[in-house]
Structure formats: structure tokens, C-alpha cells
Amino acid sequence: MSLHDDLTAVRRNLDELTRKVERLEQQAAATRGKPAPAPDPSRMVTVPDTPYDSALWTDSDDEGLGARDRRAP
């Protein structure tokens, strides 16, 4: 590819990006001020307030800390 071809491709991509951003701005302006739609109750999951059984976490690693029986390098 020549430099001219590269510049043409960049210009085309930039023009496409500009059009998409303008379209997004128009969509955002059209929805501004409208209340958010209510969540679909069929997709909601009830999370109980009772504590989880500690046996669920017996073999788990502490996220970010690694396994309990190994040392960090």
C-alpha cells in the first residue's frame, strides 16, 4: 500500500466515524428527557438476604490474592 492509499483509508474511516458519532448524538438528543424504561420483571432474579453456606467457598481462591496454600512468586 502506498502512502496515498493509507491516507485515503484513514480519511474514509474518519468520515465513517464522524457519521456514526453524529447519529449517536442525534439519538441521544431524541431520548434526552424521556424516562428510562421499566425493567422486565421476567428477567429479574431475587437475591435472598440470608447468608450463603460457607461450604460454597471451601476450595475457592481469594480473588487477587491467589490460592491459600501457595506463595506468590
PDB file of N, CA and C in Angstrom:
ATOM      1  N   MET A   1       0.830  -1.181   0.000  1.00  0.00           N
ATOM      2  CA  MET A   1       0.000   0.000   0.000  1.00  0.00           C
ATOM      3  C   MET A   1       0.879   1.250   0.000  1.00  0.00           C
ATOM      4  N   SER A   2       0.457   2.202  -0.746  1.00  0.00           N
ATOM      5  CA  SER A   2       1.211   3.451  -0.798  1.00  0.00           C
ATOM      6  C   SER A   2       0.713   4.399   0.286  1.00  0.00           C
ATOM      7  N   LEU A   3       1.446   5.449   0.484  1.00  0.00           N
ATOM      8  CA  LEU A   3       1.048   6.457   1.461  1.00  0.00           C
ATOM      9  C   LEU A   3      -0.293   7.065   1.087  1.00  0.00           C
ATOM     10  N   HIS A   4      -0.502   7.274  -0.210  1.00  0.00           N
ATOM     11  CA  HIS A   4      -1.774   7.838  -0.676  1.00  0.00           C
ATOM     12  C   HIS A   4      -2.937   6.905  -0.324  1.00  0.00           C
ATOM     13  N   ASP A   5      -2.739   5.603  -0.540  1.00  0.00           N
ATOM     14  CA  ASP A   5      -3.785   4.625  -0.203  1.00  0.00           C
ATOM     15  C   ASP A   5      -4.067   4.622   1.299  1.00  0.00           C
ATOM     16  N   ASP A   6      -3.014   4.699   2.091  1.00  0.00           N
ATOM     17  CA  ASP A   6      -3.178   4.741   3.546  1.00  0.00           C
ATOM     18  C   ASP A   6      -3.972   5.971   3.972  1.00  0.00           C
ATOM     19  N   LEU A   7      -3.621   7.113   3.403  1.00  0.00           N
ATOM     20  CA  LEU A   7      -4.330   8.353   3.754  1.00  0.00           C
ATOM     21  C   LEU A   7      -5.787   8.300   3.312  1.00  0.00           C
ATOM     22  N   THR A   8      -6.042   7.712   2.159  1.00  0.00           N
ATOM     23  CA  THR A   8      -7.423   7.571   1.685  1.00  0.00           C
ATOM     24  C   THR A   8      -8.220   6.676   2.633  1.00  0.00           C
ATOM     25  N   ALA A   9      -7.622   5.578   3.076  1.00  0.00           N
ATOM     26  CA  ALA A   9      -8.299   4.672   4.006  1.00  0.00           C
ATOM     27  C   ALA A   9      -8.560   5.366   5.343  1.00  0.00           C
ATOM     28  N   VAL A  10      -7.582   6.137   5.825  1.00  0.00           N
ATOM     29  CA  VAL A  10      -7.764   6.867   7.084  1.00  0.00           C
ATOM     30  C   VAL A  10      -8.887   7.879   6.938  1.00  0.00           C
ATOM     31  N   ARG A  11      -8.918   8.613   5.830  1.00  0.00           N
ATOM     32  CA  ARG A  11      -9.969   9.607   5.597  1.00  0.00           C
ATOM     33  C   ARG A  11     -11.350   8.948   5.556  1.00  0.00           C
ATOM     34  N   ARG A  12     -11.442   7.806   4.880  1.00  0.00           N
ATOM     35  CA  ARG A  12     -12.715   7.088   4.790  1.00  0.00           C
ATOM     36  C   ARG A  12     -13.174   6.631   6.183  1.00  0.00           C
ATOM     37  N   ASN A  13     -12.251   6.074   6.964  1.00  0.00           N
ATOM     38  CA  ASN A  13     -12.600   5.627   8.316  1.00  0.00           C
ATOM     39  C   ASN A  13     -12.990   6.794   9.211  1.00  0.00           C
ATOM     40  N   LEU A  14     -12.295   7.910   9.072  1.00  0.00           N
ATOM     41  CA  LEU A  14     -12.619   9.093   9.858  1.00  0.00           C
ATOM     42  C   LEU A  14     -13.989   9.643   9.493  1.00  0.00           C
ATOM     43  N   ASP A  15     -14.303   9.660   8.197  1.00  0.00           N
ATOM     44  CA  ASP A  15     -15.621  10.119   7.756  1.00  0.00           C
ATOM     45  C   ASP A  15     -16.723   9.213   8.294  1.00  0.00           C
ATOM     46  N   GLU A  16     -16.480   7.904   8.265  1.00  0.00           N
ATOM     47  CA  GLU A  16     -17.464   6.957   8.788  1.00  0.00           C
ATOM     48  C   GLU A  16     -17.650   7.145  10.295  1.00  0.00           C
ATOM     49  N   LEU A  17     -16.558   7.340  11.006  1.00  0.00           N
ATOM     50  CA  LEU A  17     -16.635   7.571  12.445  1.00  0.00           C
ATOM     51  C   LEU A  17     -17.405   8.850  12.744  1.00  0.00           C
ATOM     52  N   THR A  18     -17.154   9.895  11.978  1.00  0.00           N
ATOM     53  CA  THR A  18     -17.859  11.158  12.166  1.00  0.00           C
ATOM     54  C   THR A  18     -19.359  10.974  11.958  1.00  0.00           C
ATOM     55  N   ARG A  19     -19.743  10.243  10.913  1.00  0.00           N
ATOM     56  CA  ARG A  19     -21.180   9.992  10.659  1.00  0.00           C
ATOM     57  C   ARG A  19     -21.809   9.218  11.811  1.00  0.00           C
ATOM     58  N   LYS A  20     -21.099   8.223  12.318  1.00  0.00           N
ATOM     59  CA  LYS A  20     -21.655   7.412  13.408  1.00  0.00           C
ATOM     60  C   LYS A  20     -21.779   8.221  14.695  1.00  0.00           C
ATOM     61  N   VAL A  21     -20.814   9.074  14.976  1.00  0.00           N
ATOM     62  CA  VAL A  21     -20.886   9.913  16.176  1.00  0.00           C
ATOM     63  C   VAL A  21     -22.054  10.890  16.049  1.00  0.00           C
ATOM     64  N   GLU A  22     -22.236  11.475  14.865  1.00  0.00           N
ATOM     65  CA  GLU A  22     -23.363  12.386  14.650  1.00  0.00           C
ATOM     66  C   GLU A  22     -24.693  11.665  14.848  1.00  0.00           C
ATOM     67  N   ARG A  23     -24.778  10.437  14.343  1.00  0.00           N
ATOM     68  CA  ARG A  23     -26.009   9.655  14.507  1.00  0.00           C
ATOM     69  C   ARG A  23     -26.258   9.351  15.987  1.00  0.00           C
ATOM     70  N   LEU A  24     -25.201   9.007  16.720  1.00  0.00           N
ATOM     71  CA  LEU A  24     -25.332   8.750  18.157  1.00  0.00           C
ATOM     72  C   LEU A  24     -25.791  10.003  18.901  1.00  0.00           C
ATOM     73  N   GLU A  25     -25.217  11.154  18.532  1.00  0.00           N
ATOM     74  CA  GLU A  25     -25.620  12.408  19.170  1.00  0.00           C
ATOM     75  C   GLU A  25     -27.088  12.705  18.910  1.00  0.00           C
ATOM     76  N   GLN A  26     -27.570  12.440  17.686  1.00  0.00           N
ATOM     77  CA  GLN A  26     -28.979  12.654  17.365  1.00  0.00           C
ATOM     78  C   GLN A  26     -29.870  11.725  18.176  1.00  0.00           C
ATOM     79  N   GLN A  27     -29.461  10.472  18.289  1.00  0.00           N
ATOM     80  CA  GLN A  27     -30.248   9.514  19.078  1.00  0.00           C
ATOM     81  C   GLN A  27     -30.268   9.917  20.546  1.00  0.00           C
ATOM     82  N   ALA A  28     -29.146  10.373  21.073  1.00  0.00           N
ATOM     83  CA  ALA A  28     -29.079  10.791  22.475  1.00  0.00           C
ATOM     84  C   ALA A  28     -29.958  12.010  22.703  1.00  0.00           C
ATOM     85  N   ALA A  29     -29.960  12.943  21.764  1.00  0.00           N
ATOM     86  CA  ALA A  29     -30.792  14.134  21.896  1.00  0.00           C
ATOM     87  C   ALA A  29     -32.271  13.769  21.849  1.00  0.00           C
ATOM     88  N   ALA A  30     -32.613  12.766  21.039  1.00  0.00           N
ATOM     89  CA  ALA A  30     -34.015  12.358  20.925  1.00  0.00           C
ATOM     90  C   ALA A  30     -34.508  11.675  22.193  1.00  0.00           C
ATOM     91  N   THR A  31     -33.622  10.994  22.906  1.00  0.00           N
ATOM     92  CA  THR A  31     -34.046  10.261  24.108  1.00  0.00           C
ATOM     93  C   THR A  31     -33.863  11.082  25.377  1.00  0.00           C
ATOM     94  N   ARG A  32     -33.190  12.238  25.273  1.00  0.00           N
ATOM     95  CA  ARG A  32     -32.958  13.070  26.451  1.00  0.00           C
ATOM     96  C   ARG A  32     -34.295  13.531  27.025  1.00  0.00           C
ATOM     97  N   GLY A  33     -34.449  13.419  28.315  1.00  0.00           N
ATOM     98  CA  GLY A  33     -35.671  13.865  28.973  1.00  0.00           C
ATOM     99  C   GLY A  33     -36.740  12.787  29.071  1.00  0.00           C
ATOM    100  N   LYS A  34     -36.576  11.707  28.338  1.00  0.00           N
ATOM    101  CA  LYS A  34     -37.551  10.614  28.426  1.00  0.00           C
ATOM    102  C   LYS A  34     -37.169   9.721  29.603  1.00  0.00           C
ATOM    103  N   PRO A  35     -38.173   9.236  30.348  1.00  0.00           N
ATOM    104  CA  PRO A  35     -37.837   8.342  31.469  1.00  0.00           C
ATOM    105  C   PRO A  35     -37.308   7.006  30.951  1.00  0.00           C
ATOM    106  N   ALA A  36     -36.435   6.411  31.728  1.00  0.00           N
ATOM    107  CA  ALA A  36     -35.883   5.101  31.370  1.00  0.00           C
ATOM    108  C   ALA A  36     -36.990   4.055  31.428  1.00  0.00           C
ATOM    109  N   PRO A  37     -36.953   3.087  30.520  1.00  0.00           N
ATOM    110  CA  PRO A  37     -37.989   2.050  30.553  1.00  0.00           C
ATOM    111  C   PRO A  37     -37.879   1.205  31.821  1.00  0.00           C
ATOM    112  N   ALA A  38     -39.005   0.718  32.291  1.00  0.00           N
ATOM    113  CA  ALA A  38     -39.031  -0.124  33.494  1.00  0.00           C
ATOM    114  C   ALA A  38     -38.353  -1.461  33.190  1.00  0.00           C
ATOM    115  N   PRO A  39     -37.653  -2.031  34.171  1.00  0.00           N
ATOM    116  CA  PRO A  39     -37.006  -3.328  33.935  1.00  0.00           C
ATOM    117  C   PRO A  39     -38.045  -4.417  33.704  1.00  0.00           C
ATOM    118  N   ASP A  40     -37.657  -5.403  32.926  1.00  0.00           N
ATOM    119  CA  ASP A  40     -38.533  -6.531  32.621  1.00  0.00           C
ATOM    120  C   ASP A  40     -38.571  -7.463  33.831  1.00  0.00           C
ATOM    121  N   PRO A  41     -39.725  -7.588  34.509  1.00  0.00           N
ATOM    122  CA  PRO A  41     -39.788  -8.425  35.722  1.00  0.00           C
ATOM    123  C   PRO A  41     -39.449  -9.893  35.466  1.00  0.00           C
ATOM    124  N   SER A  42     -39.647 -10.370  34.252  1.00  0.00           N
ATOM    125  CA  SER A  42     -39.357 -11.782  33.982  1.00  0.00           C
ATOM    126  C   SER A  42     -37.849 -12.057  33.981  1.00  0.00           C
ATOM    127  N   ARG A  43     -37.017 -11.014  33.874  1.00  0.00           N
ATOM    128  CA  ARG A  43     -35.570 -11.195  33.857  1.00  0.00           C
ATOM    129  C   ARG A  43     -34.936 -10.887  35.208  1.00  0.00           C
ATOM    130  N   MET A  44     -35.731 -10.488  36.180  1.00  0.00           N
ATOM    131  CA  MET A  44     -35.192 -10.138  37.496  1.00  0.00           C
ATOM    132  C   MET A  44     -35.013 -11.392  38.348  1.00  0.00           C
ATOM    133  N   VAL A  45     -33.952 -11.395  39.129  1.00  0.00           N
ATOM    134  CA  VAL A  45     -33.646 -12.527  39.997  1.00  0.00           C
ATOM    135  C   VAL A  45     -33.657 -12.027  41.439  1.00  0.00           C
ATOM    136  N   THR A  46     -34.361 -12.716  42.297  1.00  0.00           N
ATOM    137  CA  THR A  46     -34.408 -12.351  43.703  1.00  0.00           C
ATOM    138  C   THR A  46     -33.179 -12.916  44.409  1.00  0.00           C
ATOM    139  N   VAL A  47     -32.471 -12.063  45.126  1.00  0.00           N
ATOM    140  CA  VAL A  47     -31.292 -12.490  45.881  1.00  0.00           C
ATOM    141  C   VAL A  47     -31.688 -12.498  47.357  1.00  0.00           C
ATOM    142  N   PRO A  48     -31.594 -13.650  48.005  1.00  0.00           N
ATOM    143  CA  PRO A  48     -32.018 -13.730  49.397  1.00  0.00           C
ATOM    144  C   PRO A  48     -31.090 -12.945  50.330  1.00  0.00           C
ATOM    145  N   ASP A  49     -31.644 -12.484  51.445  1.00  0.00           N
ATOM    146  CA  ASP A  49     -30.867 -11.747  52.445  1.00  0.00           C
ATOM    147  C   ASP A  49     -30.125 -12.677  53.396  1.00  0.00           C
ATOM    148  N   THR A  50     -30.445 -13.959  53.357  1.00  0.00           N
ATOM    149  CA  THR A  50     -29.808 -14.910  54.267  1.00  0.00           C
ATOM    150  C   THR A  50     -28.365 -15.154  53.835  1.00  0.00           C
ATOM    151  N   PRO A  51     -27.462 -15.426  54.774  1.00  0.00           N
ATOM    152  CA  PRO A  51     -26.062 -15.665  54.420  1.00  0.00           C
ATOM    153  C   PRO A  51     -25.913 -16.947  53.597  1.00  0.00           C
ATOM    154  N   TYR A  52     -24.901 -16.955  52.729  1.00  0.00           N
ATOM    155  CA  TYR A  52     -24.615 -18.144  51.955  1.00  0.00           C
ATOM    156  C   TYR A  52     -23.951 -19.192  52.843  1.00  0.00           C
ATOM    157  N   ASP A  53     -24.092 -20.449  52.448  1.00  0.00           N
ATOM    158  CA  ASP A  53     -23.429 -21.545  53.138  1.00  0.00           C
ATOM    159  C   ASP A  53     -21.920 -21.401  52.911  1.00  0.00           C
ATOM    160  N   SER A  54     -21.134 -21.350  53.966  1.00  0.00           N
ATOM    161  CA  SER A  54     -19.687 -21.153  53.834  1.00  0.00           C
ATOM    162  C   SER A  54     -19.011 -22.317  53.107  1.00  0.00           C
ATOM    163  N   ALA A  55     -19.643 -23.465  53.020  1.00  0.00           N
ATOM    164  CA  ALA A  55     -19.077 -24.604  52.300  1.00  0.00           C
ATOM    165  C   ALA A  55     -18.957 -24.308  50.799  1.00  0.00           C
ATOM    166  N   LEU A  56     -19.719 -23.333  50.313  1.00  0.00           N
ATOM    167  CA  LEU A  56     -19.625 -22.969  48.897  1.00  0.00           C
ATOM    168  C   LEU A  56     -18.244 -22.419  48.558  1.00  0.00           C
ATOM    169  N   TRP A  57     -17.559 -21.852  49.527  1.00  0.00           N
ATOM    170  CA  TRP A  57     -16.293 -21.180  49.276  1.00  0.00           C
ATOM    171  C   TRP A  57     -15.081 -21.988  49.729  1.00  0.00           C
ATOM    172  N   THR A  58     -15.261 -23.251  50.078  1.00  0.00           N
ATOM    173  CA  THR A  58     -14.190 -24.066  50.637  1.00  0.00           C
ATOM    174  C   THR A  58     -12.961 -24.142  49.730  1.00  0.00           C
ATOM    175  N   ASP A  59     -13.128 -24.409  48.453  1.00  0.00           N
ATOM    176  CA  ASP A  59     -11.995 -24.598  47.550  1.00  0.00           C
ATOM    177  C   ASP A  59     -11.710 -23.377  46.673  1.00  0.00           C
ATOM    178  N   SER A  60     -12.268 -22.249  47.027  1.00  0.00           N
ATOM    179  CA  SER A  60     -12.089 -21.064  46.179  1.00  0.00           C
ATOM    180  C   SER A  60     -10.809 -20.314  46.533  1.00  0.00           C
ATOM    181  N   ASP A  61     -10.309 -19.572  45.570  1.00  0.00           N
ATOM    182  CA  ASP A  61      -9.149 -18.705  45.787  1.00  0.00           C
ATOM    183  C   ASP A  61      -9.652 -17.316  46.151  1.00  0.00           C
ATOM    184  N   ASP A  62      -8.865 -16.589  46.908  1.00  0.00           N
ATOM    185  CA  ASP A  62      -9.202 -15.198  47.177  1.00  0.00           C
ATOM    186  C   ASP A  62      -8.811 -14.404  45.942  1.00  0.00           C
ATOM    187  N   GLU A  63      -9.779 -13.783  45.330  1.00  0.00           N
ATOM    188  CA  GLU A  63      -9.520 -13.069  44.085  1.00  0.00           C
ATOM    189  C   GLU A  63      -8.469 -11.990  44.309  1.00  0.00           C
ATOM    190  N   GLY A  64      -7.467 -12.019  43.484  1.00  0.00           N
ATOM    191  CA  GLY A  64      -6.401 -11.046  43.588  1.00  0.00           C
ATOM    192  C   GLY A  64      -5.296 -11.451  44.550  1.00  0.00           C
ATOM    193  N   LEU A  65      -5.560 -12.428  45.397  1.00  0.00           N
ATOM    194  CA  LEU A  65      -4.566 -12.859  46.377  1.00  0.00           C
ATOM    195  C   LEU A  65      -3.989 -14.233  46.063  1.00  0.00           C
ATOM    196  N   GLY A  66      -4.630 -14.970  45.185  1.00  0.00           N
ATOM    197  CA  GLY A  66      -4.145 -16.298  44.828  1.00  0.00           C
ATOM    198  C   GLY A  66      -4.672 -17.366  45.775  1.00  0.00           C
ATOM    199  N   ALA A  67      -4.144 -18.544  45.598  1.00  0.00           N
ATOM    200  CA  ALA A  67      -4.578 -19.682  46.408  1.00  0.00           C
ATOM    201  C   ALA A  67      -4.008 -19.582  47.813  1.00  0.00           C
ATOM    202  N   ARG A  68      -4.727 -20.107  48.775  1.00  0.00           N
ATOM    203  CA  ARG A  68      -4.315 -20.018  50.180  1.00  0.00           C
ATOM    204  C   ARG A  68      -3.083 -20.856  50.477  1.00  0.00           C
ATOM    205  N   ASP A  69      -2.907 -21.972  49.742  1.00  0.00           N
ATOM    206  CA  ASP A  69      -1.811 -22.879  50.058  1.00  0.00           C
ATOM    207  C   ASP A  69      -0.552 -22.632  49.214  1.00  0.00           C
ATOM    208  N   ARG A  70      -0.500 -21.547  48.437  1.00  0.00           N
ATOM    209  CA  ARG A  70       0.657 -21.252  47.604  1.00  0.00           C
ATOM    210  C   ARG A  70       1.162 -19.847  47.901  1.00  0.00           C
ATOM    211  N   ARG A  71       2.440 -19.640  47.576  1.00  0.00           N
ATOM    212  CA  ARG A  71       3.037 -18.326  47.786  1.00  0.00           C
ATOM    213  C   ARG A  71       3.152 -17.597  46.463  1.00  0.00           C
ATOM    214  N   ALA A  72       3.142 -16.311  46.507  1.00  0.00           N
ATOM    215  CA  ALA A  72       3.329 -15.505  45.302  1.00  0.00           C
ATOM    216  C   ALA A  72       4.773 -15.635  44.840  1.00  0.00           C
ATOM    217  N   PRO A  73       5.005 -15.549  43.543  1.00  0.00           N
ATOM    218  CA  PRO A  73       6.389 -15.693  43.043  1.00  0.00           C
ATOM    219  C   PRO A  73       7.277 -14.541  43.486  1.00  0.00           C
TER     220      PRO A  73
END
